[in-house]
All heavy atoms as atom14 arrays in JSON, in Angstrom:
{
  "sequence": "ESFATAVEEAGVLRWLAKRADPRLDEEYRRFAERRRQF",
  "atom14_mask": [
    [1, 1, 1, 1, 1, 1, 1, 1, 1, 0, 0, 0, 0, 0],
    [1, 1, 1, 1, 1, 1, 0, 0, 0, 0, 0, 0, 0, 0],
    [1, 1, 1, 1, 1, 1, 1, 1, 1, 1, 1, 0, 0, 0],
    [1, 1, 1, 1, 1, 0, 0, 0, 0, 0, 0, 0, 0, 0],
    [1, 1, 1, 1, 1, 1, 1, 0, 0, 0, 0, 0, 0, 0],
    [1, 1, 1, 1, 1, 0, 0, 0, 0, 0, 0, 0, 0, 0],
    [1, 1, 1, 1, 1, 1, 1, 0, 0, 0, 0, 0, 0, 0],
    [1, 1, 1, 1, 1, 1, 1, 1, 1, 0, 0, 0, 0, 0],
    [1, 1, 1, 1, 1, 1, 1, 1, 1, 0, 0, 0, 0, 0],
    [1, 1, 1, 1, 1, 0, 0, 0, 0, 0, 0, 0, 0, 0],
    [1, 1, 1, 1, 0, 0, 0, 0, 0, 0, 0, 0, 0, 0],
    [1, 1, 1, 1, 1, 1, 1, 0, 0, 0, 0, 0, 0, 0],
    [1, 1, 1, 1, 1, 1, 1, 1, 0, 0, 0, 0, 0, 0],
    [1, 1, 1, 1, 1, 1, 1, 1, 1, 1, 1, 0, 0, 0],
    [1, 1, 1, 1, 1, 1, 1, 1, 1, 1, 1, 1, 1, 1],
    [1, 1, 1, 1, 1, 1, 1, 1, 0, 0, 0, 0, 0, 0],
    [1, 1, 1, 1, 1, 0, 0, 0, 0, 0, 0, 0, 0, 0],
    [1, 1, 1, 1, 1, 1, 1, 1, 1, 0, 0, 0, 0, 0],
    [1, 1, 1, 1, 1, 1, 1, 1, 1, 1, 1, 0, 0, 0],
    [1, 1, 1, 1, 1, 0, 0, 0, 0, 0, 0, 0, 0, 0],
    [1, 1, 1, 1, 1, 1, 1, 1, 0, 0, 0, 0, 0, 0],
    [1, 1, 1, 1, 1, 1, 1, 0, 0, 0, 0, 0, 0, 0],
    [1, 1, 1, 1, 1, 1, 1, 1, 1, 1, 1, 0, 0, 0],
    [1, 1, 1, 1, 1, 1, 1, 1, 0, 0, 0, 0, 0, 0],
    [1, 1, 1, 1, 1, 1, 1, 1, 0, 0, 0, 0, 0, 0],
    [1, 1, 1, 1, 1, 1, 1, 1, 1, 0, 0, 0, 0, 0],
    [1, 1, 1, 1, 1, 1, 1, 1, 1, 0, 0, 0, 0, 0],
    [1, 1, 1, 1, 1, 1, 1, 1, 1, 1, 1, 1, 0, 0],
    [1, 1, 1, 1, 1, 1, 1, 1, 1, 1, 1, 0, 0, 0],
    [1, 1, 1, 1, 1, 1, 1, 1, 1, 1, 1, 0, 0, 0],
    [1, 1, 1, 1, 1, 1, 1, 1, 1, 1, 1, 0, 0, 0],
    [1, 1, 1, 1, 1, 0, 0, 0, 0, 0, 0, 0, 0, 0],
    [1, 1, 1, 1, 1, 1, 1, 1, 1, 0, 0, 0, 0, 0],
    [1, 1, 1, 1, 1, 1, 1, 1, 1, 1, 1, 0, 0, 0],
    [1, 1, 1, 1, 1, 1, 1, 1, 1, 1, 1, 0, 0, 0],
    [1, 1, 1, 1, 1, 1, 1, 1, 1, 1, 1, 0, 0, 0],
    [1, 1, 1, 1, 1, 1, 1, 1, 1, 0, 0, 0, 0, 0],
    [1, 1, 1, 1, 1, 1, 1, 1, 1, 1, 1, 0, 0, 0]
  ],
  "atom14_positions": [
    [[0.81, -1.21, 0.0], [0.0, 0.0, 0.0], [0.85, 1.27, 0.0], [0.51, 2.26, -0.64], [-0.95, -0.01, 1.2], [-1.95, -1.14, 1.19], [-2.86, -1.14, -0.03], [-2.97, -0.1, -0.71], [-3.47, -2.19, -0.31], [0.0, 0.0, 0.0], [0.0, 0.0, 0.0], [0.0, 0.0, 0.0], [0.0, 0.0, 0.0], [0.0, 0.0, 0.0]],
    [[1.98, 1.23, 0.69], [2.87, 2.4, 0.7], [3.47, 2.63, -0.69], [3.58, 3.78, -1.15], [3.98, 2.22, 1.73], [3.45, 2.18, 3.05], [0.0, 0.0, 0.0], [0.0, 0.0, 0.0], [0.0, 0.0, 0.0], [0.0, 0.0, 0.0], [0.0, 0.0, 0.0], [0.0, 0.0, 0.0], [0.0, 0.0, 0.0], [0.0, 0.0, 0.0]],
    [[3.86, 1.55, -1.36], [4.37, 1.66, -2.72], [3.31, 2.27, -3.64], [3.59, 3.22, -4.4], [4.8, 0.29, -3.24], [4.92, 0.21, -4.74], [5.93, 0.91, -5.41], [4.04, -0.57, -5.49], [6.03, 0.84, -6.79], [4.14, -0.63, -6.87], [5.15, 0.07, -7.52], [0.0, 0.0, 0.0], [0.0, 0.0, 0.0], [0.0, 0.0, 0.0]],
    [[2.09, 1.75, -3.59], [1.03, 2.26, -4.46], [0.7, 3.71, -4.13], [0.4, 4.5, -5.03], [-0.21, 1.38, -4.33], [0.0, 0.0, 0.0], [0.0, 0.0, 0.0], [0.0, 0.0, 0.0], [0.0, 0.0, 0.0], [0.0, 0.0, 0.0], [0.0, 0.0, 0.0], [0.0, 0.0, 0.0], [0.0, 0.0, 0.0], [0.0, 0.0, 0.0]],
    [[0.78, 4.08, -2.86], [0.53, 5.47, -2.48], [1.61, 6.39, -3.03], [1.33, 7.51, -3.5], [0.45, 5.59, -0.94], [-0.65, 4.8, -0.47], [0.24, 7.03, -0.51], [0.0, 0.0, 0.0], [0.0, 0.0, 0.0], [0.0, 0.0, 0.0], [0.0, 0.0, 0.0], [0.0, 0.0, 0.0], [0.0, 0.0, 0.0], [0.0, 0.0, 0.0]],
    [[2.87, 5.94, -3.0], [3.95, 6.75, -3.57], [3.76, 6.91, -5.08], [4.03, 7.99, -5.63], [5.3, 6.1, -3.28], [0.0, 0.0, 0.0], [0.0, 0.0, 0.0], [0.0, 0.0, 0.0], [0.0, 0.0, 0.0], [0.0, 0.0, 0.0], [0.0, 0.0, 0.0], [0.0, 0.0, 0.0], [0.0, 0.0, 0.0], [0.0, 0.0, 0.0]],
    [[3.31, 5.87, -5.76], [3.06, 5.96, -7.21], [1.93, 6.94, -7.48], [2.01, 7.77, -8.4], [2.71, 4.58, -7.78], [2.25, 4.69, -9.24], [3.93, 3.65, -7.7], [0.0, 0.0, 0.0], [0.0, 0.0, 0.0], [0.0, 0.0, 0.0], [0.0, 0.0, 0.0], [0.0, 0.0, 0.0], [0.0, 0.0, 0.0], [0.0, 0.0, 0.0]],
    [[0.86, 6.86, -6.7], [-0.26, 7.77, -6.93], [0.16, 9.22, -6.74], [-0.24, 10.1, -7.52], [-1.43, 7.44, -5.99], [-1.24, 7.94, -4.58], [-2.38, 7.66, -3.62], [-2.94, 6.55, -3.67], [-2.67, 8.53, -2.8], [0.0, 0.0, 0.0], [0.0, 0.0, 0.0], [0.0, 0.0, 0.0], [0.0, 0.0, 0.0], [0.0, 0.0, 0.0]],
    [[0.98, 9.49, -5.72], [1.44, 10.85, -5.46], [2.22, 11.4, -6.66], [1.94, 12.5, -7.15], [2.35, 10.88, -4.24], [1.65, 10.75, -2.91], [2.61, 10.86, -1.75], [3.84, 10.92, -1.97], [2.13, 10.91, -0.6], [0.0, 0.0, 0.0], [0.0, 0.0, 0.0], [0.0, 0.0, 0.0], [0.0, 0.0, 0.0], [0.0, 0.0, 0.0]],
    [[3.19, 10.62, -7.12], [4.01, 11.07, -8.24], [3.16, 11.21, -9.5], [3.32, 12.16, -10.28], [5.15, 10.08, -8.48], [0.0, 0.0, 0.0], [0.0, 0.0, 0.0], [0.0, 0.0, 0.0], [0.0, 0.0, 0.0], [0.0, 0.0, 0.0], [0.0, 0.0, 0.0], [0.0, 0.0, 0.0], [0.0, 0.0, 0.0], [0.0, 0.0, 0.0]],
    [[2.25, 10.26, -9.71], [1.43, 10.29, -10.9], [0.52, 11.49, -10.97], [0.39, 12.13, -12.02], [0.0, 0.0, 0.0], [0.0, 0.0, 0.0], [0.0, 0.0, 0.0], [0.0, 0.0, 0.0], [0.0, 0.0, 0.0], [0.0, 0.0, 0.0], [0.0, 0.0, 0.0], [0.0, 0.0, 0.0], [0.0, 0.0, 0.0], [0.0, 0.0, 0.0]],
    [[-0.11, 11.84, -9.85], [-1.03, 12.97, -9.85], [-0.28, 14.27, -10.11], [-0.77, 15.14, -10.86], [-1.81, 13.05, -8.52], [-2.58, 14.35, -8.44], [-2.77, 11.89, -8.41], [0.0, 0.0, 0.0], [0.0, 0.0, 0.0], [0.0, 0.0, 0.0], [0.0, 0.0, 0.0], [0.0, 0.0, 0.0], [0.0, 0.0, 0.0], [0.0, 0.0, 0.0]],
    [[0.89, 14.44, -9.54], [1.65, 15.66, -9.8], [1.97, 15.8, -11.27], [1.9, 16.91, -11.84], [2.94, 15.66, -8.97], [2.76, 15.81, -7.45], [4.11, 15.75, -6.74], [2.04, 17.11, -7.12], [0.0, 0.0, 0.0], [0.0, 0.0, 0.0], [0.0, 0.0, 0.0], [0.0, 0.0, 0.0], [0.0, 0.0, 0.0], [0.0, 0.0, 0.0]],
    [[2.28, 14.71, -11.94], [2.58, 14.76, -13.37], [1.31, 15.0, -14.19], [1.33, 15.7, -15.2], [3.28, 13.47, -13.8], [4.62, 13.3, -13.1], [5.35, 12.03, -13.52], [6.43, 11.74, -12.59], [7.42, 10.89, -12.83], [7.47, 10.25, -13.99], [8.37, 10.68, -11.94], [0.0, 0.0, 0.0], [0.0, 0.0, 0.0], [0.0, 0.0, 0.0]],
    [[0.21, 14.4, -13.74], [-1.06, 14.63, -14.43], [-1.46, 16.1, -14.35], [-1.87, 16.71, -15.34], [-2.14, 13.74, -13.82], [-3.52, 14.04, -14.32], [-4.52, 14.68, -13.65], [-4.07, 13.7, -15.6], [-5.64, 14.77, -14.41], [-5.4, 14.17, -15.62], [-3.57, 13.05, -16.72], [-6.24, 14.01, -16.73], [-4.39, 12.88, -17.83], [-5.71, 13.36, -17.82]],
    [[-1.32, 16.67, -13.16], [-1.66, 18.08, -12.97], [-0.76, 18.98, -13.81], [-1.22, 19.99, -14.38], [-1.55, 18.46, -11.5], [-2.56, 17.8, -10.55], [-2.25, 18.17, -9.11], [-3.99, 18.2, -10.91], [0.0, 0.0, 0.0], [0.0, 0.0, 0.0], [0.0, 0.0, 0.0], [0.0, 0.0, 0.0], [0.0, 0.0, 0.0], [0.0, 0.0, 0.0]],
    [[0.52, 18.63, -13.89], [1.45, 19.43, -14.7], [1.05, 19.39, -16.17], [1.12, 20.41, -16.88], [2.87, 18.92, -14.52], [0.0, 0.0, 0.0], [0.0, 0.0, 0.0], [0.0, 0.0, 0.0], [0.0, 0.0, 0.0], [0.0, 0.0, 0.0], [0.0, 0.0, 0.0], [0.0, 0.0, 0.0], [0.0, 0.0, 0.0], [0.0, 0.0, 0.0]],
    [[0.62, 18.23, -16.64], [0.18, 18.11, -18.03], [-1.08, 18.91, -18.27], [-1.22, 19.57, -19.31], [-0.06, 16.65, -18.38], [-0.58, 16.46, -19.8], [-0.92, 15.01, -20.12], [-1.48, 14.89, -21.53], [-1.84, 13.5, -21.88], [0.0, 0.0, 0.0], [0.0, 0.0, 0.0], [0.0, 0.0, 0.0], [0.0, 0.0, 0.0], [0.0, 0.0, 0.0]],
    [[-2.01, 18.89, -17.34], [-3.28, 19.6, -17.51], [-3.09, 21.1, -17.47], [-3.83, 21.84, -18.12], [-4.26, 19.15, -16.42], [-4.66, 17.69, -16.5], [-5.71, 17.47, -17.57], [-7.03, 17.81, -17.08], [-7.79, 18.8, -17.51], [-7.36, 19.59, -18.47], [-8.99, 19.04, -17.0], [0.0, 0.0, 0.0], [0.0, 0.0, 0.0], [0.0, 0.0, 0.0]],
    [[-2.12, 21.56, -16.69], [-1.8, 23.0, -16.62], [-3.06, 23.84, -16.4], [-3.28, 24.86, -17.05], [-1.07, 23.44, -17.9], [0.0, 0.0, 0.0], [0.0, 0.0, 0.0], [0.0, 0.0, 0.0], [0.0, 0.0, 0.0], [0.0, 0.0, 0.0], [0.0, 0.0, 0.0], [0.0, 0.0, 0.0], [0.0, 0.0, 0.0], [0.0, 0.0, 0.0]],
    [[-3.87, 23.41, -15.45], [-5.12, 24.11, -15.13], [-5.02, 24.59, -13.68], [-5.11, 23.78, -12.75], [-6.29, 23.14, -15.3], [-7.65, 23.78, -15.0], [-7.68, 24.83, -14.33], [-8.67, 23.22, -15.43], [0.0, 0.0, 0.0], [0.0, 0.0, 0.0], [0.0, 0.0, 0.0], [0.0, 0.0, 0.0], [0.0, 0.0, 0.0], [0.0, 0.0, 0.0]],
    [[-4.83, 25.9, -13.46], [-4.66, 26.4, -12.09], [-5.81, 26.03, -11.16], [-5.61, 25.74, -9.98], [-4.55, 27.92, -12.28], [-4.07, 28.09, -13.68], [-4.69, 26.97, -14.47], [0.0, 0.0, 0.0], [0.0, 0.0, 0.0], [0.0, 0.0, 0.0], [0.0, 0.0, 0.0], [0.0, 0.0, 0.0], [0.0, 0.0, 0.0], [0.0, 0.0, 0.0]],
    [[-7.03, 26.02, -11.68], [-8.19, 25.67, -10.85], [-8.1, 24.22, -10.38], [-8.3, 23.92, -9.2], [-9.48, 25.89, -11.66], [-10.75, 25.48, -10.9], [-11.9, 25.27, -11.87], [-11.59, 24.29, -12.89], [-11.66, 22.98, -12.69], [-11.97, 22.5, -11.5], [-11.38, 22.15, -13.68], [0.0, 0.0, 0.0], [0.0, 0.0, 0.0], [0.0, 0.0, 0.0]],
    [[-7.78, 23.33, -11.32], [-7.65, 21.91, -10.99], [-6.5, 21.69, -10.02], [-6.6, 20.91, -9.07], [-7.44, 21.11, -12.27], [-7.21, 19.6, -12.13], [-8.43, 18.94, -11.5], [-6.91, 18.99, -13.49], [0.0, 0.0, 0.0], [0.0, 0.0, 0.0], [0.0, 0.0, 0.0], [0.0, 0.0, 0.0], [0.0, 0.0, 0.0], [0.0, 0.0, 0.0]],
    [[-5.4, 22.39, -10.27], [-4.22, 22.26, -9.42], [-4.54, 22.69, -7.99], [-4.19, 22.0, -7.03], [-3.09, 23.11, -10.0], [-1.76, 22.84, -9.32], [-1.21, 21.75, -9.52], [-1.3, 23.72, -8.57], [0.0, 0.0, 0.0], [0.0, 0.0, 0.0], [0.0, 0.0, 0.0], [0.0, 0.0, 0.0], [0.0, 0.0, 0.0], [0.0, 0.0, 0.0]],
    [[-5.22, 23.81, -7.84], [-5.56, 24.31, -6.51], [-6.55, 23.38, -5.82], [-6.43, 23.12, -4.61], [-6.16, 25.71, -6.62], [-6.65, 26.29, -5.3], [-5.56, 26.36, -4.24], [-4.37, 26.46, -4.59], [-5.9, 26.3, -3.04], [0.0, 0.0, 0.0], [0.0, 0.0, 0.0], [0.0, 0.0, 0.0], [0.0, 0.0, 0.0], [0.0, 0.0, 0.0]],
    [[-7.51, 22.85, -6.55], [-8.48, 21.93, -5.98], [-7.79, 20.7, -5.41], [-8.06, 20.29, -4.27], [-9.49, 21.51, -7.05], [-10.52, 20.49, -6.58], [-11.4, 20.02, -7.73], [-10.87, 19.43, -8.71], [-12.63, 20.23, -7.65], [0.0, 0.0, 0.0], [0.0, 0.0, 0.0], [0.0, 0.0, 0.0], [0.0, 0.0, 0.0], [0.0, 0.0, 0.0]],
    [[-6.88, 20.13, -6.19], [-6.21, 18.93, -5.71], [-5.28, 19.23, -4.54], [-5.24, 18.47, -3.56], [-5.41, 18.26, -6.83], [-4.68, 17.03, -6.31], [-5.38, 15.85, -6.08], [-3.33, 17.08, -5.99], [-4.74, 14.74, -5.55], [-2.69, 15.96, -5.47], [-3.4, 14.8, -5.25], [-2.76, 13.72, -4.71], [0.0, 0.0, 0.0], [0.0, 0.0, 0.0]],
    [[-4.55, 20.32, -4.63], [-3.61, 20.64, -3.56], [-4.36, 20.9, -2.24], [-3.85, 20.58, -1.17], [-2.74, 21.83, -3.96], [-1.78, 21.49, -5.08], [-0.82, 22.62, -5.41], [-0.03, 22.29, -6.58], [1.02, 21.48, -6.59], [1.4, 20.91, -5.47], [1.67, 21.23, -7.72], [0.0, 0.0, 0.0], [0.0, 0.0, 0.0], [0.0, 0.0, 0.0]],
    [[-5.55, 21.47, -2.33], [-6.34, 21.68, -1.12], [-6.77, 20.33, -0.52], [-6.65, 20.12, 0.69], [-7.57, 22.53, -1.45], [-8.4, 22.91, -0.24], [-9.4, 24.02, -0.56], [-10.29, 23.65, -1.64], [-10.27, 24.18, -2.86], [-9.39, 25.14, -3.14], [-11.12, 23.8, -3.79], [0.0, 0.0, 0.0], [0.0, 0.0, 0.0], [0.0, 0.0, 0.0]],
    [[-7.23, 19.42, -1.38], [-7.57, 18.07, -0.93], [-6.35, 17.39, -0.3], [-6.43, 16.79, 0.77], [-8.08, 17.23, -2.1], [-9.57, 17.2, -2.25], [-10.24, 18.26, -2.85], [-10.3, 16.12, -1.82], [-11.61, 18.24, -3.0], [-11.68, 16.09, -1.95], [-12.34, 17.15, -2.55], [0.0, 0.0, 0.0], [0.0, 0.0, 0.0], [0.0, 0.0, 0.0]],
    [[-5.22, 17.47, -1.01], [-4.02, 16.76, -0.57], [-3.51, 17.3, 0.76], [-3.05, 16.54, 1.61], [-2.93, 16.85, -1.64], [0.0, 0.0, 0.0], [0.0, 0.0, 0.0], [0.0, 0.0, 0.0], [0.0, 0.0, 0.0], [0.0, 0.0, 0.0], [0.0, 0.0, 0.0], [0.0, 0.0, 0.0], [0.0, 0.0, 0.0], [0.0, 0.0, 0.0]],
    [[-3.58, 18.62, 0.95], [-3.1, 19.21, 2.2], [-3.99, 18.81, 3.37], [-3.49, 18.51, 4.47], [-3.04, 20.73, 2.07], [-2.59, 21.46, 3.33], [-1.2, 21.05, 3.83], [-0.43, 20.43, 3.07], [-0.89, 21.37, 4.99], [0.0, 0.0, 0.0], [0.0, 0.0, 0.0], [0.0, 0.0, 0.0], [0.0, 0.0, 0.0], [0.0, 0.0, 0.0]],
    [[-5.28, 18.77, 3.14], [-6.17, 18.32, 4.22], [-5.88, 16.86, 4.56], [-5.85, 16.48, 5.73], [-7.62, 18.49, 3.79], [-8.1, 19.93, 3.77], [-9.44, 20.04, 3.09], [-9.94, 21.4, 3.08], [-10.91, 21.84, 2.29], [-11.48, 21.0, 1.43], [-11.32, 23.08, 2.34], [0.0, 0.0, 0.0], [0.0, 0.0, 0.0], [0.0, 0.0, 0.0]],
    [[-5.68, 16.05, 3.54], [-5.38, 14.63, 3.78], [-4.06, 14.49, 4.54], [-3.95, 13.69, 5.47], [-5.33, 13.87, 2.46], [-5.07, 12.38, 2.62], [-5.29, 11.62, 1.32], [-4.51, 12.15, 0.22], [-5.05, 12.75, -0.85], [-6.36, 12.88, -0.96], [-4.28, 13.22, -1.82], [0.0, 0.0, 0.0], [0.0, 0.0, 0.0], [0.0, 0.0, 0.0]],
    [[-3.07, 15.3, 4.17], [-1.77, 15.24, 4.85], [-1.93, 15.63, 6.32], [-1.38, 14.96, 7.22], [-0.78, 16.18, 4.17], [0.64, 16.08, 4.74], [1.48, 17.28, 4.34], [0.99, 18.52, 4.94], [1.19, 18.86, 6.21], [1.86, 18.06, 7.03], [0.71, 20.0, 6.67], [0.0, 0.0, 0.0], [0.0, 0.0, 0.0], [0.0, 0.0, 0.0]],
    [[-2.68, 16.68, 6.6], [-2.86, 17.13, 7.98], [-3.64, 16.1, 8.79], [-3.33, 15.87, 9.97], [-3.56, 18.48, 8.0], [-2.71, 19.61, 7.46], [-3.45, 20.93, 7.43], [-4.62, 21.01, 7.04], [-2.79, 22.0, 7.84], [0.0, 0.0, 0.0], [0.0, 0.0, 0.0], [0.0, 0.0, 0.0], [0.0, 0.0, 0.0], [0.0, 0.0, 0.0]],
    [[-4.64, 15.49, 8.16], [-5.4, 14.44, 8.83], [-4.5, 13.27, 9.19], [-4.5, 12.79, 10.34], [-6.54, 13.99, 7.91], [-7.26, 12.75, 8.36], [-8.07, 12.77, 9.48], [-7.13, 11.56, 7.65], [-8.75, 11.62, 9.9], [-7.8, 10.42, 8.05], [-8.61, 10.45, 9.18], [0.0, 0.0, 0.0], [0.0, 0.0, 0.0], [0.0, 0.0, 0.0]]
  ]
}
């Protein structure tokens, strides 16, 4: 599960970079920060 979580993290960052959509990027980063704090 830790391996798959590391893959998902790296993958999403690359997906967001490809999409180059500030709204999408901010939405995900807000989700991710809340998850990290939790």
